[in-house]
Amino acid sequence: MSVSVESLMSNVSGLISLPEVAIRVNAMVEDPDCTAEDVAKVIETDPGLSARMLGIANSAMYGYSKEINTVTRAITVLGTRQIRDIILTTAAAKTFENIPTTLISIDDFWHHSIYCGLLAKQIASMTRTPHAETMFMAGLLHDIGHLIMFNQIPEQIHQILLETLQPDAEELYKIERRDLGFDHTEVGAALAHLWNLPPVLQETIEFHHEPEKATTFSQEVFLIHIANCVASLPYSEDSEKDWQEIFSAEVLQKAGISVDDLQVAIHTALEEEETIRKLLFN
């Protein structure tokens, strides 16, 4: 069966979509005529989404000492763009929560993705990376193309996964590209474009395995590349290696992070992962 990124997007548009509230908030943030009060009114029409957003806003990930107990207060404290990113993050996670797949452990997928997102946010905060507020979402969604492929073309992906088990096998994305003509990064980037997610997200998703190809958001892409590599170690053939063995000094320099600071970021991200998972999927 011939398959393409375009055909996957055509099929997936009827399977998964962002809730209307998330779509409206995403558009409103880019509209200079929309006020914080306007954004709050839209968010409050979805009580479940509002509750998850407030839970994350009050988590250790943001570190505010006083409780943020209303949507309006959250927007005042965090700003409309950061609230937009939290809304899109929680909405996307819930949208994909129950997508059927028999090929992988969905718990492992979200553990990896949340850990990657938390680590990316920690690194971004330490390095004052541009678009730092978006890095948690970038890490959370970097592999979202995999879920689409696992769901839409399970037989082909099963064969590809078997190939990765062979001695001296290429990396998964390279086998996908060789056997299908595209890989999960292209599928994820196409979905980000379809959903009109910010350009920085489209680029971090598309190039997280090949950060040197980034054109506009190079530091952000290298940051997600590093976070993904660290978060992937428990599931890879390099699982016995220390993360310091897999990065060159040049890669760390591109992301603006030191070895010592990355160690601190890893420790913090691991501590927060379970709490954030419960907030996203409650």
C-alpha atoms as a PDB file:
ATOM      1  CA  MET A   1       0.000   0.000   0.000  1.00  0.00           C
ATOM      2  CA  SER A   2       1.374   3.382  -1.034  1.00  0.00           C
ATOM      3  CA  VAL A   3       1.333   5.933   1.730  1.00  0.00           C
ATOM      4  CA  SER A   4       2.451   9.533   2.058  1.00  0.00           C
ATOM      5  CA  VAL A   5       2.514  12.301   4.630  1.00  0.00           C
ATOM      6  CA  GLU A   6      -0.390  13.910   2.783  1.00  0.00           C
ATOM      7  CA  SER A   7      -2.520  10.753   2.937  1.00  0.00           C
ATOM      8  CA  LEU A   8      -1.807  10.354   6.647  1.00  0.00           C
ATOM      9  CA  MET A   9      -2.858  13.959   7.272  1.00  0.00           C
ATOM     10  CA  SER A  10      -6.023  13.409   5.262  1.00  0.00           C
ATOM     11  CA  ASN A  11      -6.923  10.377   7.346  1.00  0.00           C
ATOM     12  CA  VAL A  12      -5.942  11.857  10.684  1.00  0.00           C
ATOM     13  CA  SER A  13      -7.993  15.031  10.236  1.00  0.00           C
ATOM     14  CA  GLY A  14     -11.114  12.956  10.841  1.00  0.00           C
ATOM     15  CA  LEU A  15      -9.576  11.008  13.721  1.00  0.00           C
ATOM     16  CA  ILE A  16      -8.079  13.698  15.935  1.00  0.00           C
ATOM     17  CA  SER A  17      -8.537  17.428  16.251  1.00  0.00           C
ATOM     18  CA  LEU A  18      -7.853  20.091  18.819  1.00  0.00           C
ATOM     19  CA  PRO A  19     -10.882  21.233  20.825  1.00  0.00           C
ATOM     20  CA  GLU A  20     -12.489  24.456  19.654  1.00  0.00           C
ATOM     21  CA  VAL A  21     -11.341  26.313  22.767  1.00  0.00           C
ATOM     22  CA  ALA A  22      -7.670  25.577  22.039  1.00  0.00           C
ATOM     23  CA  ILE A  23      -8.056  26.611  18.405  1.00  0.00           C
ATOM     24  CA  ARG A  24      -9.720  29.891  19.370  1.00  0.00           C
ATOM     25  CA  VAL A  25      -7.154  30.712  22.061  1.00  0.00           C
ATOM     26  CA  ASN A  26      -4.307  30.004  19.629  1.00  0.00           C
ATOM     27  CA  ALA A  27      -5.783  32.503  17.169  1.00  0.00           C
ATOM     28  CA  MET A  28      -6.673  35.103  19.785  1.00  0.00           C
ATOM     29  CA  VAL A  29      -3.138  35.344  21.138  1.00  0.00           C
ATOM     30  CA  GLU A  30      -1.974  36.518  17.712  1.00  0.00           C
ATOM     31  CA  ASP A  31      -4.777  39.112  17.491  1.00  0.00           C
ATOM     32  CA  PRO A  32      -3.641  42.477  18.935  1.00  0.00           C
ATOM     33  CA  ASP A  33      -7.262  43.480  19.514  1.00  0.00           C
ATOM     34  CA  CYS A  34      -7.913  40.581  21.925  1.00  0.00           C
ATOM     35  CA  THR A  35      -7.488  41.288  25.632  1.00  0.00           C
ATOM     36  CA  ALA A  36      -6.532  38.956  28.461  1.00  0.00           C
ATOM     37  CA  GLU A  37     -10.168  39.084  29.593  1.00  0.00           C
ATOM     38  CA  ASP A  38     -11.316  37.926  26.144  1.00  0.00           C
ATOM     39  CA  VAL A  39      -8.937  34.971  26.282  1.00  0.00           C
ATOM     40  CA  ALA A  40     -10.035  34.077  29.820  1.00  0.00           C
ATOM     41  CA  LYS A  41     -13.713  34.027  28.847  1.00  0.00           C
ATOM     42  CA  VAL A  42     -13.025  31.520  26.066  1.00  0.00           C
ATOM     43  CA  ILE A  43     -10.909  29.240  28.261  1.00  0.00           C
ATOM     44  CA  GLU A  44     -13.548  29.232  30.993  1.00  0.00           C
ATOM     45  CA  THR A  45     -16.118  27.717  28.615  1.00  0.00           C
ATOM     46  CA  ASP A  46     -14.238  24.406  28.998  1.00  0.00           C
ATOM     47  CA  PRO A  47     -14.090  23.593  32.732  1.00  0.00           C
ATOM     48  CA  GLY A  48     -11.953  20.476  32.297  1.00  0.00           C
ATOM     49  CA  LEU A  49      -9.365  22.254  30.223  1.00  0.00           C
ATOM     50  CA  SER A  50      -9.391  25.197  32.629  1.00  0.00           C
ATOM     51  CA  ALA A  51      -8.771  22.910  35.607  1.00  0.00           C
ATOM     52  CA  ARG A  52      -5.838  21.138  33.936  1.00  0.00           C
ATOM     53  CA  MET A  53      -4.358  24.486  32.898  1.00  0.00           C
ATOM     54  CA  LEU A  54      -4.576  25.832  36.455  1.00  0.00           C
ATOM     55  CA  GLY A  55      -3.041  22.647  37.823  1.00  0.00           C
ATOM     56  CA  ILE A  56      -0.010  23.007  35.562  1.00  0.00           C
ATOM     57  CA  ALA A  57       0.258  26.756  36.219  1.00  0.00           C
ATOM     58  CA  ASN A  58       0.460  25.959  39.955  1.00  0.00           C
ATOM     59  CA  SER A  59       2.988  23.147  39.538  1.00  0.00           C
ATOM     60  CA  ALA A  60       6.650  23.294  40.464  1.00  0.00           C
ATOM     61  CA  MET A  61       7.398  23.677  36.776  1.00  0.00           C
ATOM     62  CA  TYR A  62       6.442  27.356  37.046  1.00  0.00           C
ATOM     63  CA  GLY A  63       7.489  27.893  40.645  1.00  0.00           C
ATOM     64  CA  TYR A  64       5.046  30.570  41.814  1.00  0.00           C
ATOM     65  CA  SER A  65       4.711  30.755  45.591  1.00  0.00           C
ATOM     66  CA  LYS A  66       1.126  32.040  45.643  1.00  0.00           C
ATOM     67  CA  GLU A  67      -1.730  29.931  44.348  1.00  0.00           C
ATOM     68  CA  ILE A  68      -3.073  30.846  40.926  1.00  0.00           C
ATOM     69  CA  ASN A  69      -6.764  30.106  41.405  1.00  0.00           C
ATOM     70  CA  THR A  70      -8.492  31.725  38.414  1.00  0.00           C
ATOM     71  CA  VAL A  71      -7.915  31.750  34.672  1.00  0.00           C
ATOM     72  CA  THR A  72      -7.665  35.541  34.673  1.00  0.00           C
ATOM     73  CA  ARG A  73      -5.021  35.423  37.394  1.00  0.00           C
ATOM     74  CA  ALA A  74      -3.087  32.793  35.439  1.00  0.00           C
ATOM     75  CA  ILE A  75      -3.044  35.036  32.367  1.00  0.00           C
ATOM     76  CA  THR A  76      -1.951  38.021  34.461  1.00  0.00           C
ATOM     77  CA  VAL A  77       0.908  36.088  36.070  1.00  0.00           C
ATOM     78  CA  LEU A  78       2.091  33.979  33.148  1.00  0.00           C
ATOM     79  CA  GLY A  79       1.041  36.051  30.144  1.00  0.00           C
ATOM     80  CA  THR A  80      -1.235  35.169  27.238  1.00  0.00           C
ATOM     81  CA  ARG A  81       1.418  33.370  25.169  1.00  0.00           C
ATOM     82  CA  GLN A  82       2.456  31.079  28.011  1.00  0.00           C
ATOM     83  CA  ILE A  83      -1.198  30.341  28.789  1.00  0.00           C
ATOM     84  CA  ARG A  84      -1.755  29.631  25.100  1.00  0.00           C
ATOM     85  CA  ASP A  85       1.074  27.107  25.203  1.00  0.00           C
ATOM     86  CA  ILE A  86      -0.304  25.424  28.337  1.00  0.00           C
ATOM     87  CA  ILE A  87      -3.770  25.214  26.757  1.00  0.00           C
ATOM     88  CA  LEU A  88      -2.384  23.747  23.524  1.00  0.00           C
ATOM     89  CA  THR A  89      -0.203  21.324  25.470  1.00  0.00           C
ATOM     90  CA  THR A  90      -3.013  19.995  27.651  1.00  0.00           C
ATOM     91  CA  ALA A  91      -5.441  19.851  24.731  1.00  0.00           C
ATOM     92  CA  ALA A  92      -2.997  17.986  22.484  1.00  0.00           C
ATOM     93  CA  ALA A  93      -2.112  15.486  25.198  1.00  0.00           C
ATOM     94  CA  LYS A  94      -5.770  14.705  25.908  1.00  0.00           C
ATOM     95  CA  THR A  95      -6.506  14.493  22.177  1.00  0.00           C
ATOM     96  CA  PHE A  96      -3.887  11.763  21.737  1.00  0.00           C
ATOM     97  CA  GLU A  97      -4.434  10.068  25.085  1.00  0.00           C
ATOM     98  CA  ASN A  98      -6.612   7.270  23.745  1.00  0.00           C
ATOM     99  CA  ILE A  99      -5.433   6.985  20.138  1.00  0.00           C
ATOM    100  CA  PRO A 100      -5.371   3.217  19.502  1.00  0.00           C
ATOM    101  CA  THR A 101      -1.979   1.545  19.034  1.00  0.00           C
ATOM    102  CA  THR A 102      -0.820  -1.980  19.765  1.00  0.00           C
ATOM    103  CA  LEU A 103       2.797  -1.427  18.756  1.00  0.00           C
ATOM    104  CA  ILE A 104       4.165   0.360  21.812  1.00  0.00           C
ATOM    105  CA  SER A 105       3.479   0.994  25.462  1.00  0.00           C
ATOM    106  CA  ILE A 106       1.528   4.248  25.508  1.00  0.00           C
ATOM    107  CA  ASP A 107       2.675   4.769  29.110  1.00  0.00           C
ATOM    108  CA  ASP A 108       6.314   4.600  27.975  1.00  0.00           C
ATOM    109  CA  PHE A 109       5.555   6.987  25.112  1.00  0.00           C
ATOM    110  CA  TRP A 110       4.115   9.644  27.419  1.00  0.00           C
ATOM    111  CA  HIS A 111       6.775   9.113  30.073  1.00  0.00           C
ATOM    112  CA  HIS A 112       9.434   9.790  27.438  1.00  0.00           C
ATOM    113  CA  SER A 113       7.548  12.760  25.971  1.00  0.00           C
ATOM    114  CA  ILE A 114       6.770  14.441  29.300  1.00  0.00           C
ATOM    115  CA  TYR A 115      10.313  13.902  30.564  1.00  0.00           C
ATOM    116  CA  CYS A 116      11.656  15.371  27.316  1.00  0.00           C
ATOM    117  CA  GLY A 117       9.347  18.381  27.656  1.00  0.00           C
ATOM    118  CA  LEU A 118      10.255  19.024  31.281  1.00  0.00           C
ATOM    119  CA  LEU A 119      13.956  18.693  30.557  1.00  0.00           C
ATOM    120  CA  ALA A 120      13.623  21.051  27.588  1.00  0.00           C
ATOM    121  CA  LYS A 121      11.859  23.625  29.740  1.00  0.00           C
ATOM    122  CA  GLN A 122      14.520  23.372  32.440  1.00  0.00           C
ATOM    123  CA  ILE A 123      17.334  23.832  29.929  1.00  0.00           C
ATOM    124  CA  ALA A 124      15.514  26.746  28.293  1.00  0.00           C
ATOM    125  CA  SER A 125      15.067  28.472  31.652  1.00  0.00           C
ATOM    126  CA  MET A 126      18.736  28.062  32.494  1.00  0.00           C
ATOM    127  CA  THR A 127      19.983  29.305  29.140  1.00  0.00           C
ATOM    128  CA  ARG A 128      17.399  32.019  28.524  1.00  0.00           C
ATOM    129  CA  THR A 129      16.591  30.384  25.234  1.00  0.00           C
ATOM    130  CA  PRO A 130      14.248  32.339  22.939  1.00  0.00           C
ATOM    131  CA  HIS A 131      10.696  30.928  23.062  1.00  0.00           C
ATOM    132  CA  ALA A 132      11.558  29.276  26.382  1.00  0.00           C
ATOM    133  CA  GLU A 133       7.873  29.211  27.347  1.00  0.00           C
ATOM    134  CA  THR A 134       7.168  26.932  24.374  1.00  0.00           C
ATOM    135  CA  MET A 135       9.893  24.369  25.017  1.00  0.00           C
ATOM    136  CA  PHE A 136       7.812  22.127  27.283  1.00  0.00           C
ATOM    137  CA  MET A 137       5.233  21.802  24.528  1.00  0.00           C
ATOM    138  CA  ALA A 138       7.979  21.240  21.936  1.00  0.00           C
ATOM    139  CA  GLY A 139       9.395  18.384  23.974  1.00  0.00           C
ATOM    140  CA  LEU A 140       5.993  16.894  24.703  1.00  0.00           C
ATOM    141  CA  LEU A 141       4.997  16.828  21.018  1.00  0.00           C
ATOM    142  CA  HIS A 142       8.339  16.110  19.342  1.00  0.00           C
ATOM    143  CA  ASP A 143       7.432  12.457  18.621  1.00  0.00           C
ATOM    144  CA  ILE A 144       3.724  12.943  17.965  1.00  0.00           C
ATOM    145  CA  GLY A 145       4.196  11.777  14.386  1.00  0.00           C
ATOM    146  CA  HIS A 146       4.938   8.319  15.750  1.00  0.00           C
ATOM    147  CA  LEU A 147       1.476   7.989  17.259  1.00  0.00           C
ATOM    148  CA  ILE A 148      -0.123   8.863  13.937  1.00  0.00           C
ATOM    149  CA  MET A 149       2.011   6.323  12.088  1.00  0.00           C
ATOM    150  CA  PHE A 150       1.464   3.612  14.721  1.00  0.00           C
ATOM    151  CA  ASN A 151      -2.278   4.145  14.362  1.00  0.00           C
ATOM    152  CA  GLN A 152      -2.554   4.610  10.596  1.00  0.00           C
ATOM    153  CA  ILE A 153       0.050   2.210   9.149  1.00  0.00           C
ATOM    154  CA  PRO A 154       0.696  -0.347  11.911  1.00  0.00           C
ATOM    155  CA  GLU A 155       1.858  -3.177   9.640  1.00  0.00           C
ATOM    156  CA  GLN A 156       4.544  -1.123   7.930  1.00  0.00           C
ATOM    157  CA  ILE A 157       5.729   0.356  11.221  1.00  0.00           C
ATOM    158  CA  HIS A 158       5.831  -3.086  12.841  1.00  0.00           C
ATOM    159  CA  GLN A 159       8.232  -4.251  10.145  1.00  0.00           C
ATOM    160  CA  ILE A 160      10.352  -1.145  10.606  1.00  0.00           C
ATOM    161  CA  LEU A 161      10.483  -1.671  14.369  1.00  0.00           C
ATOM    162  CA  LEU A 162      11.687  -5.227  13.762  1.00  0.00           C
ATOM    163  CA  GLU A 163      14.452  -3.853  11.558  1.00  0.00           C
ATOM    164  CA  THR A 164      15.696  -1.661  14.404  1.00  0.00           C
ATOM    165  CA  LEU A 165      16.367  -4.833  16.426  1.00  0.00           C
ATOM    166  CA  GLN A 166      18.934  -6.106  13.929  1.00  0.00           C
ATOM    167  CA  PRO A 167      22.639  -5.782  14.773  1.00  0.00           C
ATOM    168  CA  ASP A 168      24.099  -2.457  13.638  1.00  0.00           C
ATOM    169  CA  ALA A 169      20.660  -1.221  12.576  1.00  0.00           C
ATOM    170  CA  GLU A 170      20.243   2.389  11.536  1.00  0.00           C
ATOM    171  CA  GLU A 171      18.291   4.798  13.699  1.00  0.00           C
ATOM    172  CA  LEU A 172      14.515   4.439  13.526  1.00  0.00           C
ATOM    173  CA  TYR A 173      13.892   7.681  11.632  1.00  0.00           C
ATOM    174  CA  LYS A 174      16.442   6.705   8.973  1.00  0.00           C
ATOM    175  CA  ILE A 175      14.772   3.317   8.431  1.00  0.00           C
ATOM    176  CA  GLU A 176      11.369   5.028   8.215  1.00  0.00           C
ATOM    177  CA  ARG A 177      12.738   7.399   5.599  1.00  0.00           C
ATOM    178  CA  ARG A 178      14.342   4.583   3.615  1.00  0.00           C
ATOM    179  CA  ASP A 179      11.329   2.259   3.669  1.00  0.00           C
ATOM    180  CA  LEU A 180       8.469   4.788   3.496  1.00  0.00           C
ATOM    181  CA  GLY A 181      10.006   7.847   1.873  1.00  0.00           C
ATOM    182  CA  PHE A 182       9.318   9.958   4.991  1.00  0.00           C
ATOM    183  CA  ASP A 183       9.694   9.709   8.758  1.00  0.00           C
ATOM    184  CA  HIS A 184       7.853  10.559  11.958  1.00  0.00           C
ATOM    185  CA  THR A 185       9.429  14.012  12.173  1.00  0.00           C
ATOM    186  CA  GLU A 186       7.835  15.010   8.865  1.00  0.00           C
ATOM    187  CA  VAL A 187       4.467  13.615   9.949  1.00  0.00           C
ATOM    188  CA  GLY A 188       4.625  15.469  13.273  1.00  0.00           C
ATOM    189  CA  ALA A 189       5.626  18.723  11.587  1.00  0.00           C
ATOM    190  CA  ALA A 190       2.776  18.346   9.097  1.00  0.00           C
ATOM    191  CA  LEU A 191       0.314  17.936  11.975  1.00  0.00           C
ATOM    192  CA  ALA A 192       1.773  20.998  13.728  1.00  0.00           C
ATOM    193  CA  HIS A 193       1.261  22.944  10.499  1.00  0.00           C
ATOM    194  CA  LEU A 194      -2.286  21.590  10.107  1.00  0.00           C
ATOM    195  CA  TRP A 195      -3.088  22.708  13.646  1.00  0.00           C
ATOM    196  CA  ASN A 196      -1.475  26.112  13.028  1.00  0.00           C
ATOM    197  CA  LEU A 197       0.916  25.653  15.926  1.00  0.00           C
ATOM    198  CA  PRO A 198       3.681  28.254  16.332  1.00  0.00           C
ATOM    199  CA  PRO A 199       6.525  28.021  13.754  1.00  0.00           C
ATOM    200  CA  VAL A 200       9.068  27.233  16.476  1.00  0.00           C
ATOM    201  CA  LEU A 201       7.114  24.057  17.274  1.00  0.00           C
ATOM    202  CA  GLN A 202       6.959  23.043  13.633  1.00  0.00           C
ATOM    203  CA  GLU A 203      10.739  23.355  13.329  1.00  0.00           C
ATOM    204  CA  THR A 204      11.655  21.645  16.614  1.00  0.00           C
ATOM    205  CA  ILE A 205       9.416  18.694  15.730  1.00  0.00           C
ATOM    206  CA  GLU A 206      10.750  18.389  12.190  1.00  0.00           C
ATOM    207  CA  PHE A 207      14.468  18.628  12.953  1.00  0.00           C
ATOM    208  CA  HIS A 208      14.918  17.206  16.460  1.00  0.00           C
ATOM    209  CA  HIS A 209      16.985  14.314  15.049  1.00  0.00           C
ATOM    210  CA  GLU A 210      18.940  16.549  12.660  1.00  0.00           C
ATOM    211  CA  PRO A 211      19.324  19.877  14.473  1.00  0.00           C
ATOM    212  CA  GLU A 212      21.955  21.104  12.061  1.00  0.00           C
ATOM    213  CA  LYS A 213      19.174  21.466   9.458  1.00  0.00           C
ATOM    214  CA  ALA A 214      17.282  24.051  11.505  1.00  0.00           C
ATOM    215  CA  THR A 215      16.998  27.384   9.726  1.00  0.00           C
ATOM    216  CA  THR A 216      15.176  29.821  12.022  1.00  0.00           C
ATOM    217  CA  PHE A 217      15.177  28.321  15.510  1.00  0.00           C
ATOM    218  CA  SER A 218      18.586  26.672  15.754  1.00  0.00           C
ATOM    219  CA  GLN A 219      19.129  26.957  19.512  1.00  0.00           C
ATOM    220  CA  GLU A 220      15.628  25.710  20.271  1.00  0.00           C
ATOM    221  CA  VAL A 221      16.055  22.711  17.944  1.00  0.00           C
ATOM    222  CA  PHE A 222      19.433  21.766  19.452  1.00  0.00           C
ATOM    223  CA  LEU A 223      17.825  22.057  22.884  1.00  0.00           C
ATOM    224  CA  ILE A 224      15.037  19.617  21.952  1.00  0.00           C
ATOM    225  CA  HIS A 225      17.606  17.331  20.327  1.00  0.00           C
ATOM    226  CA  ILE A 226      19.548  17.135  23.599  1.00  0.00           C
ATOM    227  CA  ALA A 227      16.415  16.651  25.725  1.00  0.00           C
ATOM    228  CA  ASN A 228      15.188  13.892  23.407  1.00  0.00           C
ATOM    229  CA  CYS A 229      18.530  12.054  23.443  1.00  0.00           C
ATOM    230  CA  VAL A 230      18.652  12.086  27.250  1.00  0.00           C
ATOM    231  CA  ALA A 231      15.009  11.023  27.572  1.00  0.00           C
ATOM    232  CA  SER A 232      15.536   8.230  25.012  1.00  0.00           C
ATOM    233  CA  LEU A 233      18.468   6.589  26.782  1.00  0.00           C
ATOM    234  CA  PRO A 234      16.385   4.144  28.890  1.00  0.00           C
ATOM    235  CA  TYR A 235      14.786   2.779  25.691  1.00  0.00           C
ATOM    236  CA  SER A 236      17.838   2.660  23.424  1.00  0.00           C
ATOM    237  CA  GLU A 237      20.774   0.357  22.793  1.00  0.00           C
ATOM    238  CA  ASP A 238      22.857   3.019  24.554  1.00  0.00           C
ATOM    239  CA  SER A 239      20.915   2.527  27.790  1.00  0.00           C
ATOM    240  CA  GLU A 240      24.068   1.509  29.653  1.00  0.00           C
ATOM    241  CA  LYS A 241      25.833   4.717  28.677  1.00  0.00           C
ATOM    242  CA  ASP A 242      25.960   7.886  30.702  1.00  0.00           C
ATOM    243  CA  TRP A 243      24.370  10.815  28.879  1.00  0.00           C
ATOM    244  CA  GLN A 244      27.728  12.633  28.906  1.00  0.00           C
ATOM    245  CA  GLU A 245      29.073   9.995  26.518  1.00  0.00           C
ATOM    246  CA  ILE A 246      26.608  10.795  23.740  1.00  0.00           C
ATOM    247  CA  PHE A 247      27.072  14.554  23.326  1.00  0.00           C
ATOM    248  CA  SER A 248      29.974  16.463  21.889  1.00  0.00           C
ATOM    249  CA  ALA A 249      30.973  19.771  23.420  1.00  0.00           C
ATOM    250  CA  GLU A 250      29.815  21.412  20.187  1.00  0.00           C
ATOM    251  CA  VAL A 251      26.244  20.109  20.558  1.00  0.00           C
ATOM    252  CA  LEU A 252      25.986  21.363  24.126  1.00  0.00           C
ATOM    253  CA  GLN A 253      27.421  24.703  23.026  1.00  0.00           C
ATOM    254  CA  LYS A 254      24.778  25.036  20.301  1.00  0.00           C
ATOM    255  CA  ALA A 255      22.087  24.753  22.972  1.00  0.00           C
ATOM    256  CA  GLY A 256      23.994  27.024  25.332  1.00  0.00           C
ATOM    257  CA  ILE A 257      24.033  24.509  28.199  1.00  0.00           C
ATOM    258  CA  SER A 258      26.954  23.356  30.360  1.00  0.00           C
ATOM    259  CA  VAL A 259      27.494  19.804  31.578  1.00  0.00           C
ATOM    260  CA  ASP A 260      26.845  20.795  35.185  1.00  0.00           C
ATOM    261  CA  ASP A 261      23.646  22.685  34.392  1.00  0.00           C
ATOM    262  CA  LEU A 262      22.349  19.827  32.260  1.00  0.00           C
ATOM    263  CA  GLN A 263      22.857  17.445  35.183  1.00  0.00           C
ATOM    264  CA  VAL A 264      20.774  19.740  37.408  1.00  0.00           C
ATOM    265  CA  ALA A 265      18.077  20.000  34.711  1.00  0.00           C
ATOM    266  CA  ILE A 266      17.887  16.206  34.391  1.00  0.00           C
ATOM    267  CA  HIS A 267      17.449  15.766  38.146  1.00  0.00           C
ATOM    268  CA  THR A 268      14.675  18.393  38.297  1.00  0.00           C
ATOM    269  CA  ALA A 269      12.824  17.005  35.281  1.00  0.00           C
ATOM    270  CA  LEU A 270      12.797  13.486  36.689  1.00  0.00           C
ATOM    271  CA  GLU A 271      11.368  14.757  39.984  1.00  0.00           C
ATOM    272  CA  GLU A 272       8.496  16.572  38.229  1.00  0.00           C
ATOM    273  CA  GLU A 273       7.509  13.959  35.626  1.00  0.00           C
ATOM    274  CA  GLU A 274       4.911  11.999  37.616  1.00  0.00           C
ATOM    275  CA  THR A 275       3.155  15.139  38.875  1.00  0.00           C
ATOM    276  CA  ILE A 276       2.870  16.652  35.401  1.00  0.00           C
ATOM    277  CA  ARG A 277       1.633  13.384  33.922  1.00  0.00           C
ATOM    278  CA  LYS A 278      -1.233  13.296  36.437  1.00  0.00           C
ATOM    279  CA  LEU A 279      -2.110  16.931  35.696  1.00  0.00           C
ATOM    280  CA  LEU A 280      -2.182  16.345  31.940  1.00  0.00           C
ATOM    281  CA  PHE A 281      -4.245  13.184  32.028  1.00  0.00           C
ATOM    282  CA  ASN A 282      -6.551  13.585  35.027  1.00  0.00           C
END
